[in-house]
Amino acid sequence: LIMMKSAVLVAILCCASSALGFQVPASTRGSALCTTQAVAVRNACVPTHEPVSARARMMAKDDSIEVDGTVTEKLPNAMFRVEIANSEQVILAHISGKIRKNFIKVLVGDKVKVELSPYDLTKGRITFRSRK
């Protein structure tokens, strides 16, 4: 009975290890092992790939491009057209959460700092409103 329980434990361990991306040594598959050997099997499993966390896959905060600009047009839903300084490019920008939270008003003609995404340089986020 004990031998059967340990064999079931080893089988479950091997299946779970394979499902999680671990390689189980061929010599241990399908054999009836005692509990101490099952622990050795678990420790012998080698990861086949490096686990990647969700945070590592997301874009880092430092990847955004920060530029200065002037608000040229106010649009609905806290959206603005901002003309980038030193160029004629006009982008679509929305207000960041901290500006929204602190009820900072952004008007046409204000100097602002805008963070641009490296994926789409025509859209951005207003992160700071300069004092006049």
Protein backbone atom coordinates (compact mmCIF):
# COMPACT_ATOMS: atom_id res chain seq x y z
CA LEU A 1 0.00 0.00 0.00
CA ILE A 2 2.80 2.40 0.89
CA MET A 3 4.67 1.46 -2.27
CA MET A 4 1.54 2.15 -4.33
CA LYS A 5 1.04 5.58 -2.73
CA SER A 6 4.63 6.55 -3.46
CA ALA A 7 4.29 5.35 -7.07
CA VAL A 8 1.19 7.51 -7.48
CA LEU A 9 3.06 10.42 -5.91
CA VAL A 10 5.94 9.96 -8.36
CA ALA A 11 3.55 9.76 -11.32
CA ILE A 12 1.76 12.94 -10.23
CA LEU A 13 5.09 14.64 -9.62
CA CYS A 14 6.40 13.68 -13.06
CA CYS A 15 3.21 14.84 -14.80
CA ALA A 16 3.17 18.14 -12.90
CA SER A 17 6.85 18.71 -13.57
CA SER A 18 6.38 18.09 -17.29
CA ALA A 19 3.38 20.42 -17.41
CA LEU A 20 5.38 23.20 -15.74
CA GLY A 21 8.18 22.92 -18.29
CA PHE A 22 10.61 20.73 -16.35
CA GLN A 23 12.44 17.75 -17.76
CA VAL A 24 12.19 14.53 -15.77
CA PRO A 25 15.12 12.12 -16.15
CA ALA A 26 14.14 9.07 -18.26
CA SER A 27 15.51 6.62 -15.68
CA THR A 28 12.93 7.72 -13.09
CA ARG A 29 9.82 7.77 -15.30
CA GLY A 30 7.38 4.88 -14.79
CA SER A 31 9.24 3.24 -11.92
CA ALA A 32 7.83 2.60 -8.45
CA LEU A 33 10.03 4.67 -6.16
CA CYS A 34 9.87 5.20 -2.44
CA THR A 35 9.10 8.65 -1.01
CA THR A 36 12.74 9.61 -0.51
CA GLN A 37 13.46 8.76 -4.13
CA ALA A 38 10.43 10.81 -5.19
CA VAL A 39 12.00 13.82 -3.48
CA ALA A 40 15.22 13.08 -5.38
CA VAL A 41 13.20 13.02 -8.64
CA ARG A 42 11.66 16.38 -7.81
CA ASN A 43 15.10 17.84 -7.09
CA ALA A 44 16.51 16.31 -10.29
CA CYS A 45 14.00 18.13 -12.47
CA VAL A 46 15.73 20.80 -14.53
CA PRO A 47 13.89 23.86 -15.87
CA THR A 48 13.88 23.94 -19.68
CA HIS A 49 13.40 27.70 -19.90
CA GLU A 50 13.93 30.78 -17.76
CA PRO A 51 10.66 31.99 -16.23
CA VAL A 52 9.81 35.55 -17.24
CA SER A 53 7.74 37.64 -14.89
CA ALA A 54 4.88 39.79 -16.15
CA ARG A 55 6.69 42.92 -14.96
CA ALA A 56 9.75 42.08 -17.05
CA ARG A 57 7.58 41.82 -20.18
CA MET A 58 6.01 45.25 -19.62
CA MET A 59 7.64 48.42 -20.89
CA ALA A 60 9.85 50.20 -18.36
CA LYS A 61 9.04 53.73 -17.29
CA ASP A 62 12.38 54.95 -18.62
CA ASP A 63 11.46 53.92 -22.17
CA SER A 64 9.23 56.98 -22.70
CA ILE A 65 10.51 60.09 -24.50
CA GLU A 66 9.97 63.37 -22.65
CA VAL A 67 9.62 66.59 -24.67
CA ASP A 68 8.43 70.15 -24.06
CA GLY A 69 5.51 71.63 -25.91
CA THR A 70 2.69 74.17 -25.98
CA VAL A 71 -1.02 73.36 -25.82
CA THR A 72 -2.66 74.55 -29.06
CA GLU A 73 -6.18 73.10 -28.78
CA LYS A 74 -8.42 71.72 -26.04
CA LEU A 75 -10.45 68.62 -26.97
CA PRO A 76 -13.15 66.66 -25.09
CA ASN A 77 -12.32 64.01 -22.45
CA ALA A 78 -9.18 65.80 -21.16
CA MET A 79 -7.42 65.49 -24.52
CA PHE A 80 -5.23 68.22 -26.01
CA ARG A 81 -3.32 69.00 -29.18
CA VAL A 82 0.24 69.89 -28.22
CA GLU A 83 2.81 71.46 -30.53
CA ILE A 84 6.28 70.15 -29.78
CA ALA A 85 8.92 72.82 -29.13
CA ASN A 86 11.66 73.15 -31.80
CA SER A 87 9.50 71.43 -34.42
CA GLU A 88 6.19 71.83 -36.23
CA GLN A 89 4.88 68.43 -35.10
CA VAL A 90 1.48 68.44 -33.36
CA ILE A 91 0.56 65.45 -31.21
CA LEU A 92 -2.54 64.26 -29.38
CA ALA A 93 -2.01 64.16 -25.59
CA HIS A 94 -4.08 63.25 -22.56
CA ILE A 95 -3.63 64.33 -18.93
CA SER A 96 -1.71 62.08 -16.55
CA GLY A 97 -3.34 60.74 -13.41
CA LYS A 98 -1.52 63.01 -10.96
CA ILE A 99 -2.56 66.16 -12.84
CA ARG A 100 -6.13 64.83 -12.93
CA LYS A 101 -6.05 63.90 -9.23
CA ASN A 102 -4.75 67.30 -8.10
CA PHE A 103 -7.23 69.21 -10.32
CA ILE A 104 -4.50 71.08 -12.20
CA LYS A 105 -6.11 73.01 -15.04
CA VAL A 106 -4.42 72.94 -18.43
CA LEU A 107 -5.38 75.78 -20.78
CA VAL A 108 -4.58 76.66 -24.38
CA GLY A 109 -1.16 78.33 -24.52
CA ASP A 110 0.30 76.57 -21.46
CA LYS A 111 3.84 75.17 -21.63
CA VAL A 112 3.76 71.46 -20.75
CA LYS A 113 6.03 68.43 -20.57
CA VAL A 114 4.80 65.47 -22.61
CA GLU A 115 5.88 61.83 -22.43
CA LEU A 116 5.78 60.13 -25.82
CA SER A 117 5.55 56.40 -26.23
CA PRO A 118 8.31 54.89 -28.38
CA TYR A 119 5.62 52.83 -30.15
CA ASP A 120 3.50 55.76 -31.38
CA LEU A 121 5.14 59.18 -31.55
CA THR A 122 1.84 60.94 -32.38
CA LYS A 123 0.29 60.28 -28.96
CA GLY A 124 1.49 61.29 -25.51
CA ARG A 125 0.71 62.04 -21.88
CA ILE A 126 0.95 65.49 -20.28
CA THR A 127 2.96 65.00 -17.10
CA PHE A 128 3.76 68.57 -16.02
CA ARG A 129 2.32 72.06 -16.54
CA SER A 130 4.94 74.82 -16.30
CA ARG A 131 4.29 77.90 -14.24
CA LYS A 132 4.13 81.17 -16.13
